[in-house]
C-alpha atoms as a PDB file:
ATOM      1  CA  MET A   1     -13.605  44.123  69.952  1.00  0.00           C
ATOM      2  CA  PRO A   2     -13.801  40.409  69.148  1.00  0.00           C
ATOM      3  CA  ASP A   3     -16.908  40.739  66.944  1.00  0.00           C
ATOM      4  CA  GLY A   4     -15.302  43.411  64.757  1.00  0.00           C
ATOM      5  CA  THR A   5     -17.352  46.395  65.949  1.00  0.00           C
ATOM      6  CA  PRO A   6     -15.329  49.560  66.548  1.00  0.00           C
ATOM      7  CA  VAL A   7     -14.492  50.555  70.101  1.00  0.00           C
ATOM      8  CA  GLN A   8     -16.285  53.741  71.154  1.00  0.00           C
ATOM      9  CA  ASN A   9     -14.787  56.539  73.254  1.00  0.00           C
ATOM     10  CA  GLN A  10     -11.161  55.584  72.861  1.00  0.00           C
ATOM     11  CA  LEU A  11      -8.847  57.879  74.793  1.00  0.00           C
ATOM     12  CA  PHE A  12      -5.900  57.884  72.409  1.00  0.00           C
ATOM     13  CA  VAL A  13      -7.136  58.824  68.939  1.00  0.00           C
ATOM     14  CA  TYR A  14      -5.713  61.201  66.343  1.00  0.00           C
ATOM     15  CA  GLU A  15      -7.441  64.568  65.941  1.00  0.00           C
ATOM     16  CA  HIS A  16      -6.325  66.730  63.020  1.00  0.00           C
ATOM     17  CA  ASP A  17      -7.750  70.087  64.107  1.00  0.00           C
ATOM     18  CA  ALA A  18      -6.240  71.974  67.040  1.00  0.00           C
ATOM     19  CA  GLY A  19      -7.126  75.325  68.560  1.00  0.00           C
ATOM     20  CA  ARG A  20      -4.456  77.950  69.216  1.00  0.00           C
ATOM     21  CA  ILE A  21      -6.440  79.516  72.058  1.00  0.00           C
ATOM     22  CA  GLU A  22      -6.829  76.083  73.664  1.00  0.00           C
ATOM     23  CA  LEU A  23      -3.045  75.751  73.539  1.00  0.00           C
ATOM     24  CA  LEU A  24      -2.725  78.815  75.799  1.00  0.00           C
ATOM     25  CA  ILE A  25      -5.535  77.698  78.129  1.00  0.00           C
ATOM     26  CA  ARG A  26      -3.800  74.337  78.393  1.00  0.00           C
ATOM     27  CA  ILE A  27      -0.924  75.877  80.377  1.00  0.00           C
ATOM     28  CA  ILE A  28      -3.233  76.901  83.230  1.00  0.00           C
ATOM     29  CA  TYR A  29      -5.045  73.585  83.015  1.00  0.00           C
ATOM     30  CA  TRP A  30      -1.731  71.693  83.210  1.00  0.00           C
ATOM     31  CA  ILE A  31      -0.919  73.441  86.456  1.00  0.00           C
ATOM     32  CA  LEU A  32      -4.297  72.577  87.991  1.00  0.00           C
ATOM     33  CA  ILE A  33      -4.198  68.968  86.772  1.00  0.00           C
ATOM     34  CA  GLY A  34      -0.594  68.695  87.995  1.00  0.00           C
ATOM     35  CA  ILE A  35      -1.549  69.846  91.484  1.00  0.00           C
ATOM     36  CA  VAL A  36      -4.437  67.373  91.665  1.00  0.00           C
ATOM     37  CA  LEU A  37      -2.246  64.537  90.339  1.00  0.00           C
ATOM     38  CA  TRP A  38       0.512  65.389  92.790  1.00  0.00           C
ATOM     39  CA  ILE A  39      -1.803  65.340  95.816  1.00  0.00           C
ATOM     40  CA  TYR A  40      -3.679  62.271  94.573  1.00  0.00           C
ATOM     41  CA  GLY A  41      -0.326  60.556  93.882  1.00  0.00           C
ATOM     42  CA  ILE A  42       0.883  61.150  97.429  1.00  0.00           C
ATOM     43  CA  ILE A  43      -2.368  59.696  98.775  1.00  0.00           C
ATOM     44  CA  ALA A  44      -2.083  56.713  96.399  1.00  0.00           C
ATOM     45  CA  PHE A  45       1.508  56.115  97.521  1.00  0.00           C
ATOM     46  CA  ILE A  46       0.491  56.110 101.188  1.00  0.00           C
ATOM     47  CA  VAL A  47      -2.420  53.806 100.403  1.00  0.00           C
ATOM     48  CA  GLN A  48      -0.095  51.409  98.568  1.00  0.00           C
ATOM     49  CA  PHE A  49       2.199  51.348 101.580  1.00  0.00           C
ATOM     50  CA  ILE A  50      -0.764  50.476 103.827  1.00  0.00           C
ATOM     51  CA  GLN A  51      -1.954  47.880 101.276  1.00  0.00           C
ATOM     52  CA  TRP A  52       1.480  46.247 101.346  1.00  0.00           C
ATOM     53  CA  PHE A  53       1.254  45.777 105.104  1.00  0.00           C
ATOM     54  CA  HIS A  54      -2.341  44.584 104.805  1.00  0.00           C
ATOM     55  CA  ILE A  55      -1.292  41.880 102.344  1.00  0.00           C
ATOM     56  CA  LEU A  56       1.746  40.973 104.447  1.00  0.00           C
ATOM     57  CA  ILE A  57      -0.222  40.597 107.672  1.00  0.00           C
ATOM     58  CA  LEU A  58      -3.617  39.309 106.492  1.00  0.00           C
ATOM     59  CA  GLY A  59      -2.703  37.632 103.193  1.00  0.00           C
ATOM     60  CA  CYS A  60      -5.417  39.427 101.195  1.00  0.00           C
ATOM     61  CA  ARG A  61      -6.059  42.797  99.559  1.00  0.00           C
ATOM     62  CA  ASN A  62      -8.344  45.513 100.922  1.00  0.00           C
ATOM     63  CA  GLN A  63     -11.035  46.603  98.416  1.00  0.00           C
ATOM     64  CA  ALA A  64     -11.199  50.232  99.600  1.00  0.00           C
ATOM     65  CA  LEU A  65      -7.430  50.676  99.341  1.00  0.00           C
ATOM     66  CA  SER A  66      -7.447  49.085  95.909  1.00  0.00           C
ATOM     67  CA  ASP A  67     -10.245  51.420  94.769  1.00  0.00           C
ATOM     68  CA  ILE A  68      -8.240  54.499  95.765  1.00  0.00           C
ATOM     69  CA  THR A  69      -5.237  53.330  93.772  1.00  0.00           C
ATOM     70  CA  ARG A  70      -7.424  52.379  90.796  1.00  0.00           C
ATOM     71  CA  GLY A  71      -9.032  55.830  90.897  1.00  0.00           C
ATOM     72  CA  TYR A  72      -5.632  57.512  90.765  1.00  0.00           C
ATOM     73  CA  LEU A  73      -4.501  55.393  87.819  1.00  0.00           C
ATOM     74  CA  GLU A  74      -7.786  55.958  85.953  1.00  0.00           C
ATOM     75  CA  TYR A  75      -7.523  59.724  86.442  1.00  0.00           C
ATOM     76  CA  ARG A  76      -3.920  59.769  85.303  1.00  0.00           C
ATOM     77  CA  VAL A  77      -4.753  57.855  82.122  1.00  0.00           C
ATOM     78  CA  HIS A  78      -7.871  60.012  81.609  1.00  0.00           C
ATOM     79  CA  VAL A  79      -5.856  63.269  81.458  1.00  0.00           C
ATOM     80  CA  LEU A  80      -2.956  61.928  79.352  1.00  0.00           C
ATOM     81  CA  PRO A  81      -4.456  62.677  75.901  1.00  0.00           C
ATOM     82  CA  TYR A  82      -5.020  66.319  76.865  1.00  0.00           C
ATOM     83  CA  THR A  83      -1.640  66.818  78.500  1.00  0.00           C
ATOM     84  CA  TYR A  84       0.182  65.238  75.539  1.00  0.00           C
ATOM     85  CA  PHE A  85      -1.547  67.416  72.896  1.00  0.00           C
ATOM     86  CA  MET A  86      -3.630  64.567  71.445  1.00  0.00           C
ATOM     87  CA  THR A  87      -6.967  66.329  71.937  1.00  0.00           C
ATOM     88  CA  ASP A  88      -8.423  69.739  72.732  1.00  0.00           C
ATOM     89  CA  LYS A  89     -11.213  68.207  74.817  1.00  0.00           C
ATOM     90  CA  ARG A  90     -10.516  69.311  78.389  1.00  0.00           C
ATOM     91  CA  PRO A  91     -10.885  66.652  81.093  1.00  0.00           C
ATOM     92  CA  ASN A  92     -12.384  67.551  84.444  1.00  0.00           C
ATOM     93  CA  ILE A  93      -9.832  68.898  86.874  1.00  0.00           C
ATOM     94  CA  PHE A  94     -11.147  66.650  89.618  1.00  0.00           C
ATOM     95  CA  PRO A  95     -11.175  62.879  89.136  1.00  0.00           C
ATOM     96  CA  GLU A  96     -14.195  61.188  87.636  1.00  0.00           C
ATOM     97  CA  THR A  97     -14.966  57.530  87.061  1.00  0.00           C
ATOM     98  CA  VAL A  98     -13.669  56.229  83.740  1.00  0.00           C
ATOM     99  CA  LYS A  99     -13.265  52.736  82.346  1.00  0.00           C
ATOM    100  CA  ILE A 100      -9.952  51.532  81.034  1.00  0.00           C
ATOM    101  CA  LEU A 101     -10.230  48.318  79.064  1.00  0.00           C
ATOM    102  CA  GLU A 102      -7.576  46.057  77.632  1.00  0.00           C
ATOM    103  CA  GLU A 103      -8.346  44.007  74.559  1.00  0.00           C
ATOM    104  CA  ALA A 104      -7.264  40.399  74.695  1.00  0.00           C
END
């Protein structure tokens, strides 16, 4: 942050401790998350196709279509730390609202 205060709730942080049981549970969780991401990805792809035509014809973006795509991207980023062994904290299987911020 610009004022020097630490950023809270960062997604990609190092955690030293790891559970062996969680490593086995992770396999089942990967499958469930993968199914949700696959379905959500297909929907997001279709929405992007519709958005492309919307921009081409009307010259502006549609908020609802943009929100669907943003939701997919937020969910994908939200589950990355768990799927790449960075944390043992399990994300929800179904998408939830998260904030992804970029520091300037």
